[in-house]
Amino acid sequence: TGAPSWSVKVGDTIQSTPAVCPTCTTNGLVFFGSYDKNVYAFDITTHQKVWSKPTGDIITSSATVANGNVYIGSEDKKLYGFVAATGAPLPGFPVTTGGGVYAVPAVSGNSVYAMSKDGYLYAFNASTGGPYLWRTALSGASVSSPSVDVVNNAVYVAGNLALYAVNTADGTPKWQVA
C-alpha cells in the first residue's frame, strides 16, 4: 500500500541513508547516523533500538556494513568502526582524517576507504583502524563516495569536475579524467 510499516524518532534530522545487515542478529539490523551526533542500530523486526554511539559532530555520511562491522563518517573529521551486532568500537577506531567525512566509506578485503573534505582519499585497515595506510591528495574537497574495483585494483572517486582512479595497494594515482 505504500504506508510505512514502522518508524522511529531520534534526537534530530536524519540525512544518512540507512544500511541494512540482515544477518548481524537474528532479526537483522538497520544502521544510520543523525544530526544529533549519534550512530544508531535498530532491530528490523522489533523496531527497537539495539544500540547508539556518539560521535563528535553531526553525521551526514551513510554507513557501510561489511564482515559483521559497520563504518560511518562524521563531520568531526573521524571515521568510526563498530561491531555491527553490539556497537562495540573496533580496535583503533575512530580514525582521524583532515576534514569531515560526508561520503559513504567503501570496504574491500581488509581495507576501508574514505573521502574527506580535506581533499584526500584515505585507506585504513578495516580491522585495526589507524593510522592510515595511505592517503592521496585529489584536486580539492569532495563529498563523493569511493567505489572499489577489485579486478583493476582501483578506487574511483569523483570531485571538482574530475573522476579519479587510485591504486588500492598504495594510493598512487592511476588516472584522472577532467
Protein backbone atom coordinates (compact mmCIF):
# COMPACT_ATOMS: atom_id res chain seq x y z
CA THR A 1 0.00 0.00 0.00
CA GLY A 2 2.98 2.31 0.40
CA ALA A 3 2.06 3.03 4.03
CA PRO A 4 5.01 2.98 6.46
CA SER A 5 5.24 -0.29 8.38
CA TRP A 6 7.18 1.35 11.21
CA SER A 7 9.14 4.46 12.12
CA VAL A 8 11.30 5.75 14.96
CA LYS A 9 12.19 9.17 16.27
CA VAL A 10 15.71 10.21 17.19
CA GLY A 11 17.10 13.49 18.51
CA ASP A 12 17.49 15.38 15.22
CA THR A 13 17.43 15.30 11.42
CA ILE A 14 18.48 12.14 9.57
CA GLN A 15 20.22 12.64 6.21
CA SER A 16 22.11 9.36 6.37
CA THR A 17 20.85 6.61 4.07
CA PRO A 18 20.02 3.51 6.14
CA ALA A 19 22.29 0.48 5.73
CA VAL A 20 20.91 -2.99 6.39
CA CYS A 21 22.60 -6.10 7.71
CA PRO A 22 20.07 -8.96 7.58
CA THR A 23 22.49 -11.42 9.25
CA CYS A 24 24.04 -9.26 12.00
CA THR A 25 21.48 -10.54 14.53
CA THR A 26 18.59 -12.99 14.46
CA ASN A 27 16.20 -10.39 13.04
CA GLY A 28 18.72 -8.17 11.23
CA LEU A 29 19.72 -4.58 11.89
CA VAL A 30 19.38 -1.22 10.17
CA PHE A 31 22.05 1.48 10.76
CA PHE A 32 22.05 5.25 10.24
CA GLY A 33 23.56 8.45 11.57
CA SER A 34 21.85 11.63 12.71
CA TYR A 35 22.40 15.32 13.21
CA ASP A 36 22.14 14.53 16.93
CA LYS A 37 25.74 13.20 16.55
CA ASN A 38 24.81 9.54 17.09
CA VAL A 39 25.06 6.33 15.10
CA TYR A 40 22.05 4.06 15.59
CA ALA A 41 21.29 0.37 15.16
CA PHE A 42 17.65 -0.76 15.18
CA ASP A 43 16.24 -4.27 15.07
CA ILE A 44 14.42 -4.73 11.77
CA THR A 45 11.65 -6.92 13.22
CA THR A 46 11.04 -5.49 16.70
CA HIS A 47 11.85 -1.87 15.69
CA GLN A 48 13.67 -1.44 18.98
CA LYS A 49 16.96 0.41 19.35
CA VAL A 50 19.75 -2.14 19.81
CA TRP A 51 22.49 0.43 20.35
CA SER A 52 23.54 4.01 19.71
CA LYS A 53 27.01 5.52 19.85
CA PRO A 54 28.01 9.18 19.99
CA THR A 55 30.38 10.93 17.61
CA GLY A 56 31.89 14.37 17.94
CA ASP A 57 29.69 16.10 15.36
CA ILE A 58 26.69 15.67 13.07
CA ILE A 59 26.54 12.71 10.70
CA THR A 60 25.55 13.08 7.07
CA SER A 61 27.56 10.06 5.92
CA SER A 62 25.74 6.80 5.36
CA ALA A 63 27.01 3.60 6.91
CA THR A 64 28.71 0.70 5.17
CA VAL A 65 28.29 -2.81 6.57
CA ALA A 66 30.99 -5.39 5.82
CA ASN A 67 32.24 -8.52 7.55
CA GLY A 68 30.00 -8.00 10.59
CA ASN A 69 31.21 -4.43 11.10
CA VAL A 70 29.71 -1.04 10.41
CA TYR A 71 31.71 2.01 9.25
CA ILE A 72 30.45 5.60 9.15
CA GLY A 73 31.98 9.06 8.89
CA SER A 74 31.24 12.17 10.91
CA GLU A 75 31.78 15.86 10.44
CA ASP A 76 34.18 15.66 13.42
CA LYS A 77 36.89 14.56 10.91
CA LYS A 78 36.70 10.94 12.01
CA LEU A 79 35.75 7.58 10.55
CA TYR A 80 34.09 5.25 13.04
CA GLY A 81 34.07 1.45 13.06
CA PHE A 82 31.80 -0.70 15.24
CA VAL A 83 30.94 -4.35 15.67
CA ALA A 84 27.54 -4.34 13.99
CA ALA A 85 25.73 -6.64 16.44
CA THR A 86 26.91 -4.95 19.65
CA GLY A 87 28.11 -1.43 18.82
CA ALA A 88 31.49 -2.14 20.41
CA PRO A 89 34.14 0.10 18.84
CA LEU A 90 36.57 -1.70 16.57
CA PRO A 91 40.20 -1.60 17.78
CA GLY A 92 41.93 1.54 16.56
CA PHE A 93 38.67 3.36 15.66
CA PRO A 94 37.73 6.12 15.31
CA VAL A 95 40.48 7.18 12.94
CA THR A 96 41.17 10.81 12.14
CA THR A 97 41.12 12.39 8.69
CA GLY A 98 41.89 16.00 7.85
CA GLY A 99 38.28 17.02 7.21
CA GLY A 100 34.70 15.97 7.73
CA VAL A 101 33.70 12.62 6.25
CA TYR A 102 30.41 13.21 4.42
CA ALA A 103 30.58 10.36 1.91
CA VAL A 104 29.82 6.67 2.37
CA PRO A 105 33.02 4.70 3.09
CA ALA A 106 33.83 1.71 0.88
CA VAL A 107 35.17 -1.60 2.17
CA SER A 108 37.09 -4.17 0.16
CA GLY A 109 39.10 -7.00 1.65
CA ASN A 110 40.72 -5.68 4.80
CA SER A 111 40.71 -2.03 3.74
CA VAL A 112 38.19 0.74 4.27
CA TYR A 113 38.36 3.81 2.01
CA ALA A 114 37.03 7.22 2.99
CA MET A 115 36.92 10.53 1.13
CA SER A 116 37.43 13.54 3.37
CA LYS A 117 36.55 17.20 2.93
CA ASP A 118 40.29 17.95 3.23
CA GLY A 119 40.71 16.73 -0.38
CA TYR A 120 42.33 13.40 0.49
CA LEU A 121 41.19 9.85 -0.17
CA TYR A 122 42.21 7.72 2.82
CA ALA A 123 42.77 3.97 3.20
CA PHE A 124 42.62 2.37 6.65
CA ASN A 125 42.95 -1.18 7.90
CA ALA A 126 39.34 -2.33 8.35
CA SER A 127 40.23 -4.46 11.39
CA THR A 128 42.73 -2.31 13.28
CA GLY A 129 41.94 1.25 12.20
CA GLY A 130 44.67 3.86 12.11
CA PRO A 131 46.99 5.33 11.38
CA TYR A 132 46.02 5.46 7.73
CA LEU A 133 47.65 3.02 5.32
CA TRP A 134 47.91 5.75 2.72
CA ARG A 135 46.26 8.97 1.67
CA THR A 136 46.14 10.53 -1.78
CA ALA A 137 45.55 14.20 -2.47
CA LEU A 138 42.87 14.90 -5.05
CA SER A 139 42.12 18.25 -6.62
CA GLY A 140 40.01 19.86 -3.91
CA ALA A 141 37.46 18.67 -1.42
CA SER A 142 34.92 16.05 -2.41
CA VAL A 143 31.82 14.53 -0.88
CA SER A 144 31.88 11.68 -3.41
CA SER A 145 31.69 8.13 -2.10
CA PRO A 146 34.57 5.92 -3.19
CA SER A 147 33.90 2.78 -5.21
CA VAL A 148 36.30 -0.17 -5.31
CA ASP A 149 37.14 -2.14 -8.46
CA VAL A 150 38.80 -5.39 -7.30
CA VAL A 151 39.52 -6.55 -10.87
CA ASN A 152 41.62 -3.48 -11.70
CA ASN A 153 42.81 -2.80 -8.12
CA ALA A 154 41.41 0.71 -8.20
CA VAL A 155 39.37 3.04 -6.03
CA TYR A 156 37.27 5.51 -8.02
CA VAL A 157 36.12 8.82 -6.62
CA ALA A 158 34.70 11.95 -8.24
CA GLY A 159 35.17 15.54 -7.29
CA ASN A 160 35.65 19.04 -8.63
CA LEU A 161 34.79 18.18 -12.25
CA ALA A 162 37.10 15.15 -12.37
CA LEU A 163 36.96 11.37 -11.95
CA TYR A 164 39.97 9.77 -10.27
CA ALA A 165 41.30 6.21 -10.25
CA VAL A 166 43.72 5.39 -7.42
CA ASN A 167 45.70 2.18 -6.82
CA THR A 168 44.15 0.24 -3.91
CA ALA A 169 47.51 -1.05 -2.66
CA ASP A 170 49.42 2.21 -2.20
CA GLY A 171 47.21 5.12 -3.22
CA THR A 172 49.22 6.09 -6.27
CA PRO A 173 47.09 7.82 -8.91
CA LYS A 174 46.28 5.63 -11.91
CA TRP A 175 44.47 8.23 -13.98
CA GLN A 176 42.15 11.18 -13.86
CA VAL A 177 39.58 12.48 -16.33
CA ALA A 178 38.53 16.11 -16.12
